[in-house]
Amino acid sequence: MMLTAIGLMSGTSLDGVDVALIETDGRRVKAFGPSGYRPYTHKERSLLLQALTEAVNLPQRDARPGILREAERAVTLAHAEAVATFTAQHRIPCEEIDIVGFHGQTVLHRPAQKMTVQIGDAPALAKAIHIPVMHDFRAADVAAGGQGAPFVPVYHRALAQSLEREGPMVVLNIGGVSNITYIDGPDTLIACDTGPGNALLDDFMRRGVTGQAFDNEGRLAAQGNANEAWIARALAQPFFALPPPKSLDRNDFASLVLPDMSPADGAATLTGFTAAAIARIVPLLPKVPRSWVVAGGGARNLTMLRMLRERLAPATVEAADALGWSTDAIEAQAFGFLAARGLKGLPLSYPATTGVPIPMTGGIIARP
């Protein structure tokens, strides 16, 4: 049976809430619906950055001391507003939505300690929007010994099956963290985080002389030169030699310090670091991919795409939009898809995507 699902995603880039509607049976996608976006205000983003700092010392995953409680309220309200605006704009009655997939905002991801924390009050959200909400997708995976990330590979596989493209291919998502899904036919699905995505670059831009939240289209990086020696040293960290599956916290590389350089060179170096870290996964895959499809905010960074093409040649590298997929909404769509899978008791993660011992279902339903 096909379900109508809304997916909500607030990623590690801390830019806002993506909303997307899809029709799916949890195995394939029948149709894409509209998508939307509710940006975080400057105050909300500052609050979330504080929450990231405070979450490092969380004693247990359901604790919400101090600023984390305020941040959770803000996240919940922003998602409720996002859904209300989206359904009003597109004249979608609440009764027509079977389920909402609510990822929440990750503030801590430490799978080695079996800790992953996504703030957001799902019961309050369900009451506010009058639709059942599935949430806490990652907890069961991490509790069973999995990495709890990346969690979108089953959706990438559903999208790739419609392409009928000769493999192997990789779907690359560049959000705050970069992650890949390696697909080779219907049975081979491998996934992992590859390293930094936009987080280091965005933080650098916010601290810099420009005061911008991100490097629009990679224009600043395009004017600079990457420090390849610094990139090589950064890539020497043990994470990059680990085989999949593996995952990261947004701030795992926040301690890396750039040498004194111009803003353009700094942007070029951090963009190059992300591209080089992605290319570093290729020798760890079963076969060299023939094609790469790039989604997430990084797909809009033209300098990032150029650097990826240089490092991944002769493989093709194209933005998801070129295939008719939504670069911006793909992760929100994925959590609508995962919510439908969760309702039907289908696996959300697998040994080769998160390292979990057996295929795992997940998600908890909060009803209005």
Protein backbone atom coordinates (compact mmCIF):
# COMPACT_ATOMS: atom_id res chain seq x y z
CA MET A 1 0.00 0.00 0.00
CA MET A 2 1.29 3.44 -0.93
CA LEU A 3 1.61 5.98 1.85
CA THR A 4 1.78 9.76 1.72
CA ALA A 5 4.67 10.85 3.90
CA ILE A 6 6.28 14.15 4.83
CA GLY A 7 9.97 14.04 5.71
CA LEU A 8 11.71 16.65 7.84
CA MET A 9 15.45 17.15 8.03
CA SER A 10 17.58 19.59 9.97
CA GLY A 11 21.18 18.73 9.17
CA THR A 12 24.56 19.36 10.72
CA SER A 13 24.97 22.52 8.65
CA LEU A 14 22.43 24.15 11.02
CA ASP A 15 20.88 26.18 8.22
CA GLY A 16 17.21 25.31 8.63
CA VAL A 17 14.43 22.73 8.21
CA ASP A 18 13.88 20.97 4.89
CA VAL A 19 10.39 19.61 4.20
CA ALA A 20 9.41 17.19 1.44
CA LEU A 21 6.41 15.08 0.52
CA ILE A 22 6.66 11.71 -1.21
CA GLU A 23 4.37 8.82 -2.05
CA THR A 24 6.00 5.51 -1.26
CA ASP A 25 5.41 1.97 -0.07
CA GLY A 26 8.77 1.99 1.70
CA ARG A 27 10.40 0.02 -1.12
CA ARG A 28 10.06 2.30 -4.10
CA VAL A 29 9.02 5.90 -4.66
CA LYS A 30 5.80 6.32 -6.61
CA ALA A 31 5.94 10.11 -6.81
CA PHE A 32 7.77 13.16 -5.51
CA GLY A 33 5.57 15.85 -4.03
CA PRO A 34 6.49 19.48 -3.33
CA SER A 35 9.29 20.50 -1.02
CA GLY A 36 9.92 23.50 1.20
CA TYR A 37 12.41 25.13 3.53
CA ARG A 38 12.21 27.05 6.77
CA PRO A 39 15.56 28.75 7.56
CA TYR A 40 16.74 29.08 11.11
CA THR A 41 16.97 32.63 12.36
CA HIS A 42 20.33 33.98 13.50
CA LYS A 43 19.15 33.59 17.11
CA GLU A 44 18.09 29.98 16.56
CA ARG A 45 21.38 29.10 14.86
CA SER A 46 23.35 30.66 17.72
CA LEU A 47 21.27 28.66 20.19
CA LEU A 48 21.98 25.42 18.30
CA LEU A 49 25.71 26.16 18.19
CA GLN A 50 25.62 26.61 21.99
CA ALA A 51 23.70 23.33 22.27
CA LEU A 52 26.41 21.52 20.29
CA THR A 53 29.01 22.75 22.77
CA GLU A 54 27.00 21.78 25.84
CA ALA A 55 25.97 18.38 24.46
CA VAL A 56 29.58 17.14 24.62
CA ASN A 57 29.14 16.50 28.34
CA LEU A 58 25.67 14.92 28.26
CA PRO A 59 25.45 12.16 30.90
CA GLN A 60 22.62 10.32 29.12
CA ARG A 61 20.84 10.67 25.79
CA ASP A 62 17.50 11.89 27.18
CA ALA A 63 19.01 14.56 29.45
CA ARG A 64 18.30 18.17 28.46
CA PRO A 65 20.17 20.40 30.91
CA GLY A 66 20.43 24.16 30.52
CA ILE A 67 20.58 25.47 26.98
CA LEU A 68 19.68 22.06 25.50
CA ARG A 69 16.13 22.32 26.82
CA GLU A 70 15.73 25.76 25.23
CA ALA A 71 17.28 24.50 21.99
CA GLU A 72 14.91 21.53 21.89
CA ARG A 73 11.90 23.83 22.24
CA ALA A 74 13.24 26.02 19.42
CA VAL A 75 13.83 23.02 17.14
CA THR A 76 10.35 21.64 17.80
CA LEU A 77 8.68 25.00 17.15
CA ALA A 78 10.67 25.54 13.94
CA HIS A 79 9.60 22.12 12.62
CA ALA A 80 5.97 22.74 13.57
CA GLU A 81 6.07 26.06 11.72
CA ALA A 82 7.74 24.39 8.73
CA VAL A 83 4.98 21.77 8.45
CA ALA A 84 2.18 24.28 9.01
CA THR A 85 3.53 26.64 6.34
CA PHE A 86 4.19 23.78 3.91
CA THR A 87 0.73 22.22 4.18
CA ALA A 88 -0.97 25.63 3.99
CA GLN A 89 1.02 26.74 0.92
CA HIS A 90 0.27 23.54 -0.96
CA ARG A 91 -3.28 23.16 0.40
CA ILE A 92 -2.64 19.69 1.77
CA PRO A 93 -5.16 18.62 4.45
CA CYS A 94 -3.53 16.98 7.49
CA GLU A 95 -5.80 13.95 7.06
CA GLU A 96 -4.13 13.17 3.74
CA ILE A 97 -0.72 12.70 5.39
CA ASP A 98 -0.16 9.19 6.78
CA ILE A 99 3.09 9.85 8.61
CA VAL A 100 5.74 12.51 9.23
CA GLY A 101 9.38 11.47 9.51
CA PHE A 102 11.09 13.76 12.04
CA HIS A 103 14.86 13.45 12.24
CA GLY A 104 15.39 16.18 14.83
CA GLN A 105 18.67 18.07 15.26
CA THR A 106 21.78 16.03 16.00
CA VAL A 107 23.78 17.59 18.82
CA LEU A 108 25.96 14.59 19.70
CA HIS A 109 26.95 11.44 17.82
CA ARG A 110 29.25 9.07 19.71
CA PRO A 111 28.44 5.53 18.53
CA ALA A 112 31.49 4.07 20.31
CA GLN A 113 29.77 5.06 23.57
CA LYS A 114 26.37 3.99 22.15
CA MET A 115 25.25 7.62 22.28
CA THR A 116 23.43 9.52 19.56
CA VAL A 117 21.31 12.52 20.49
CA GLN A 118 18.81 14.26 18.22
CA ILE A 119 16.90 17.00 20.03
CA GLY A 120 13.26 17.67 19.20
CA ASP A 121 10.05 16.86 21.08
CA ALA A 122 8.14 14.49 18.79
CA PRO A 123 4.98 14.14 20.94
CA ALA A 124 4.69 17.95 21.07
CA LEU A 125 5.24 18.16 17.31
CA ALA A 126 2.57 15.52 16.62
CA LYS A 127 0.06 17.44 18.74
CA ALA A 128 0.93 20.72 17.04
CA ILE A 129 0.58 19.42 13.46
CA HIS A 130 -2.19 16.83 14.10
CA ILE A 131 -0.30 14.09 12.21
CA PRO A 132 1.49 10.97 13.55
CA VAL A 133 5.24 11.54 13.81
CA MET A 134 7.96 8.91 13.55
CA HIS A 135 11.20 9.91 15.27
CA ASP A 136 14.37 8.60 16.95
CA PHE A 137 15.42 6.66 13.86
CA ARG A 138 19.06 6.11 14.88
CA ALA A 139 18.77 4.94 18.49
CA ALA A 140 18.03 1.23 17.90
CA ASP A 141 20.95 0.94 15.47
CA VAL A 142 23.43 2.52 17.87
CA ALA A 143 22.12 0.51 20.83
CA ALA A 144 22.74 -2.68 18.80
CA GLY A 145 26.35 -1.66 18.13
CA GLY A 146 25.88 0.12 14.79
CA GLN A 147 27.33 3.48 13.79
CA GLY A 148 23.84 5.00 13.53
CA ALA A 149 24.92 6.75 10.32
CA PRO A 150 24.63 7.25 7.45
CA PHE A 151 20.92 6.48 7.44
CA VAL A 152 19.87 7.48 3.94
CA PRO A 153 21.37 4.61 1.87
CA VAL A 154 18.12 2.65 1.55
CA TYR A 155 16.55 5.74 -0.02
CA HIS A 156 19.53 6.27 -2.32
CA ARG A 157 19.13 2.67 -3.48
CA ALA A 158 15.44 3.24 -4.25
CA LEU A 159 16.37 6.31 -6.32
CA ALA A 160 19.24 4.55 -8.11
CA GLN A 161 17.07 1.61 -9.12
CA SER A 162 14.98 3.95 -11.25
CA LEU A 163 18.06 5.08 -13.23
CA GLU A 164 18.99 1.65 -14.65
CA ARG A 165 22.58 2.90 -14.77
CA GLU A 166 25.55 0.56 -15.05
CA GLY A 167 27.35 0.39 -11.73
CA PRO A 168 29.03 0.76 -9.49
CA MET A 169 27.74 4.22 -8.66
CA VAL A 170 27.98 6.39 -5.56
CA VAL A 171 25.43 8.82 -4.19
CA LEU A 172 27.38 11.45 -2.26
CA ASN A 173 25.66 13.71 0.23
CA ILE A 174 27.62 16.78 1.31
CA GLY A 175 25.92 18.30 4.34
CA GLY A 176 27.76 19.31 7.49
CA VAL A 177 29.40 15.89 7.23
CA SER A 178 29.90 14.07 3.90
CA ASN A 179 28.59 10.54 3.45
CA ILE A 180 28.40 8.08 0.60
CA THR A 181 26.17 5.25 -0.58
CA TYR A 182 27.94 2.77 -2.86
CA ILE A 183 25.48 0.86 -5.07
CA ASP A 184 26.38 -2.00 -7.39
CA GLY A 185 23.26 -3.83 -8.51
CA PRO A 186 20.30 -4.65 -6.27
CA ASP A 187 22.29 -6.48 -3.59
CA THR A 188 25.45 -4.44 -2.91
CA LEU A 189 24.84 -1.47 -0.64
CA ILE A 190 27.77 0.02 1.31
CA ALA A 191 27.72 3.31 3.16
CA CYS A 192 29.78 5.47 5.48
CA ASP A 193 30.72 8.99 6.43
CA THR A 194 33.82 10.10 4.54
CA GLY A 195 34.86 13.12 6.57
CA PRO A 196 33.97 16.82 6.73
CA GLY A 197 31.31 18.23 4.47
CA ASN A 198 30.37 21.89 4.76
CA ALA A 199 30.73 22.23 8.55
CA LEU A 200 34.38 23.32 8.72
CA LEU A 201 33.98 25.64 5.74
CA ASP A 202 30.76 27.17 7.06
CA ASP A 203 32.29 27.76 10.50
CA PHE A 204 35.34 29.34 8.83
CA MET A 205 33.09 31.65 6.78
CA ARG A 206 31.08 32.72 9.82
CA ARG A 207 34.25 33.57 11.74
CA GLY A 208 35.92 35.31 8.80
CA VAL A 209 35.99 38.83 7.49
CA THR A 210 33.08 38.21 5.13
CA GLY A 211 30.65 37.32 7.91
CA GLN A 212 28.76 35.09 5.45
CA ALA A 213 27.15 31.87 6.65
CA PHE A 214 28.62 29.85 3.77
CA ASP A 215 30.74 30.17 0.61
CA ASN A 216 28.05 30.88 -1.98
CA GLU A 217 28.70 28.69 -5.05
CA GLY A 218 32.30 28.34 -3.85
CA ARG A 219 33.13 31.83 -5.11
CA LEU A 220 35.60 32.68 -2.35
CA ALA A 221 37.40 29.31 -2.65
CA ALA A 222 37.62 29.81 -6.42
CA GLN A 223 39.81 32.88 -5.79
CA GLY A 224 42.26 31.04 -3.53
CA ASN A 225 44.82 28.24 -3.58
CA ALA A 226 44.46 25.12 -1.46
CA ASN A 227 47.30 24.30 0.92
CA GLU A 228 47.94 20.72 -0.21
CA ALA A 229 50.53 20.07 2.51
CA TRP A 230 47.96 20.95 5.22
CA ILE A 231 45.36 18.73 3.51
CA ALA A 232 47.82 15.81 3.40
CA ARG A 233 48.55 16.19 7.12
CA ALA A 234 44.83 16.35 7.94
CA LEU A 235 44.21 13.18 5.91
CA ALA A 236 46.81 11.34 8.00
CA GLN A 237 44.29 11.06 10.84
CA PRO A 238 43.33 7.43 11.54
CA PHE A 239 39.66 7.87 10.55
CA PHE A 240 40.47 8.16 6.86
CA ALA A 241 42.18 4.76 6.68
CA LEU A 242 39.26 2.93 8.32
CA PRO A 243 37.09 0.81 6.00
CA PRO A 244 33.33 1.34 5.85
CA PRO A 245 31.07 1.43 7.75
CA LYS A 246 32.18 4.39 9.87
CA SER A 247 30.58 7.62 11.05
CA LEU A 248 31.45 11.02 12.45
CA ASP A 249 30.20 13.77 14.71
CA ARG A 250 29.93 17.20 13.10
CA ASN A 251 32.72 18.54 15.30
CA ASP A 252 35.19 15.65 15.04
CA PHE A 253 37.58 17.79 12.96
CA ALA A 254 36.84 21.11 14.63
CA SER A 255 40.23 21.03 16.40
CA LEU A 256 42.11 21.30 13.09
CA VAL A 257 43.64 24.76 12.79
CA LEU A 258 44.57 26.38 9.50
CA PRO A 259 47.89 28.22 9.29
CA ASP A 260 47.80 31.96 8.72
CA MET A 261 46.42 32.49 5.21
CA SER A 262 44.02 34.70 3.28
CA PRO A 263 40.26 34.07 3.50
CA ALA A 264 40.28 32.83 -0.12
CA ASP A 265 43.12 30.39 0.52
CA GLY A 266 41.44 29.20 3.72
CA ALA A 267 38.17 28.55 1.89
CA ALA A 268 40.04 26.77 -0.92
CA THR A 269 41.94 24.61 1.57
CA LEU A 270 38.85 23.52 3.51
CA THR A 271 36.92 22.87 0.28
CA GLY A 272 39.88 20.85 -0.97
CA PHE A 273 40.02 18.92 2.32
CA THR A 274 36.39 17.86 1.92
CA ALA A 275 36.99 16.77 -1.70
CA ALA A 276 40.20 14.93 -0.83
CA ALA A 277 38.55 13.13 2.10
CA ILE A 278 35.77 11.94 -0.23
CA ALA A 279 38.30 10.70 -2.79
CA ARG A 280 40.16 8.89 0.01
CA ILE A 281 37.28 6.39 0.31
CA VAL A 282 37.71 5.07 -3.26
CA PRO A 283 40.54 2.58 -2.49
CA LEU A 284 38.43 1.22 0.39
CA LEU A 285 35.48 0.29 -1.87
CA PRO A 286 35.09 -3.08 -3.65
CA LYS A 287 35.38 -1.48 -7.10
CA VAL A 288 36.22 1.97 -8.42
CA PRO A 289 32.89 3.80 -8.99
CA ARG A 290 31.98 4.73 -12.55
CA SER A 291 29.73 7.63 -11.57
CA TRP A 292 29.04 9.93 -8.64
CA VAL A 293 25.81 11.82 -7.95
CA VAL A 294 26.21 14.72 -5.52
CA ALA A 295 23.40 15.95 -3.25
CA GLY A 296 23.17 18.23 -0.24
CA GLY A 297 24.39 21.80 0.11
CA GLY A 298 27.80 20.91 -1.32
CA ALA A 299 26.21 20.19 -4.70
CA ARG A 300 25.64 23.94 -5.07
CA ASN A 301 29.31 24.68 -4.46
CA LEU A 302 30.78 24.85 -7.97
CA THR A 303 34.36 24.88 -6.67
CA MET A 304 33.63 21.75 -4.63
CA LEU A 305 32.26 20.00 -7.74
CA ARG A 306 35.31 21.03 -9.78
CA MET A 307 37.68 19.70 -7.12
CA LEU A 308 35.72 16.45 -6.91
CA ARG A 309 35.89 15.97 -10.68
CA GLU A 310 39.65 16.48 -10.56
CA ARG A 311 40.14 13.98 -7.73
CA LEU A 312 37.62 11.34 -8.90
CA ALA A 313 38.46 11.28 -12.64
CA PRO A 314 37.79 9.41 -14.85
CA ALA A 315 34.48 8.82 -13.03
CA THR A 316 31.66 11.21 -13.87
CA VAL A 317 30.51 13.65 -11.17
CA GLU A 318 27.12 15.35 -11.49
CA ALA A 319 24.72 17.18 -9.21
CA ALA A 320 21.55 15.32 -8.26
CA ASP A 321 19.41 18.02 -9.89
CA ALA A 322 20.76 16.94 -13.30
CA LEU A 323 18.98 13.59 -12.82
CA GLY A 324 15.69 15.13 -11.81
CA TRP A 325 16.39 14.48 -8.13
CA SER A 326 16.17 17.31 -5.62
CA THR A 327 19.59 18.33 -4.36
CA ASP A 328 18.05 20.31 -1.52
CA ALA A 329 15.18 18.00 -0.51
CA ILE A 330 16.78 14.56 -0.89
CA GLU A 331 17.45 14.04 2.83
CA ALA A 332 13.99 15.26 3.84
CA GLN A 333 12.49 12.92 1.24
CA ALA A 334 14.62 10.14 2.71
CA PHE A 335 13.15 10.57 6.18
CA GLY A 336 9.65 10.44 4.72
CA PHE A 337 10.71 7.20 3.01
CA LEU A 338 12.27 5.87 6.23
CA ALA A 339 9.09 6.70 8.16
CA ALA A 340 7.08 4.63 5.66
CA ARG A 341 9.59 1.77 6.03
CA GLY A 342 9.37 2.07 9.79
CA LEU A 343 5.58 1.83 9.71
CA LYS A 344 5.86 -1.38 7.71
CA GLY A 345 8.58 -2.88 9.88
CA LEU A 346 11.17 -2.88 7.07
CA PRO A 347 14.90 -2.53 7.86
CA LEU A 348 16.33 0.98 7.99
CA SER A 349 19.99 -0.01 8.33
CA TYR A 350 22.19 -2.95 7.44
CA PRO A 351 25.56 -4.43 8.44
CA ALA A 352 27.26 -2.85 5.39
CA THR A 353 25.74 0.60 5.91
CA THR A 354 26.15 1.17 9.66
CA GLY A 355 27.96 -1.93 10.92
CA VAL A 356 24.93 -3.10 12.86
CA PRO A 357 25.04 -6.91 13.45
CA ILE A 358 21.75 -7.64 11.62
CA PRO A 359 19.34 -5.57 9.49
CA MET A 360 17.60 -3.22 11.90
CA THR A 361 14.20 -1.61 11.98
CA GLY A 362 13.81 1.58 13.98
CA GLY A 363 11.81 4.67 14.76
CA ILE A 364 9.22 5.45 17.40
CA ILE A 365 5.72 6.76 16.64
CA ALA A 366 4.26 9.75 18.49
CA ARG A 367 0.53 10.25 17.86
CA PRO A 368 -1.42 13.52 18.07
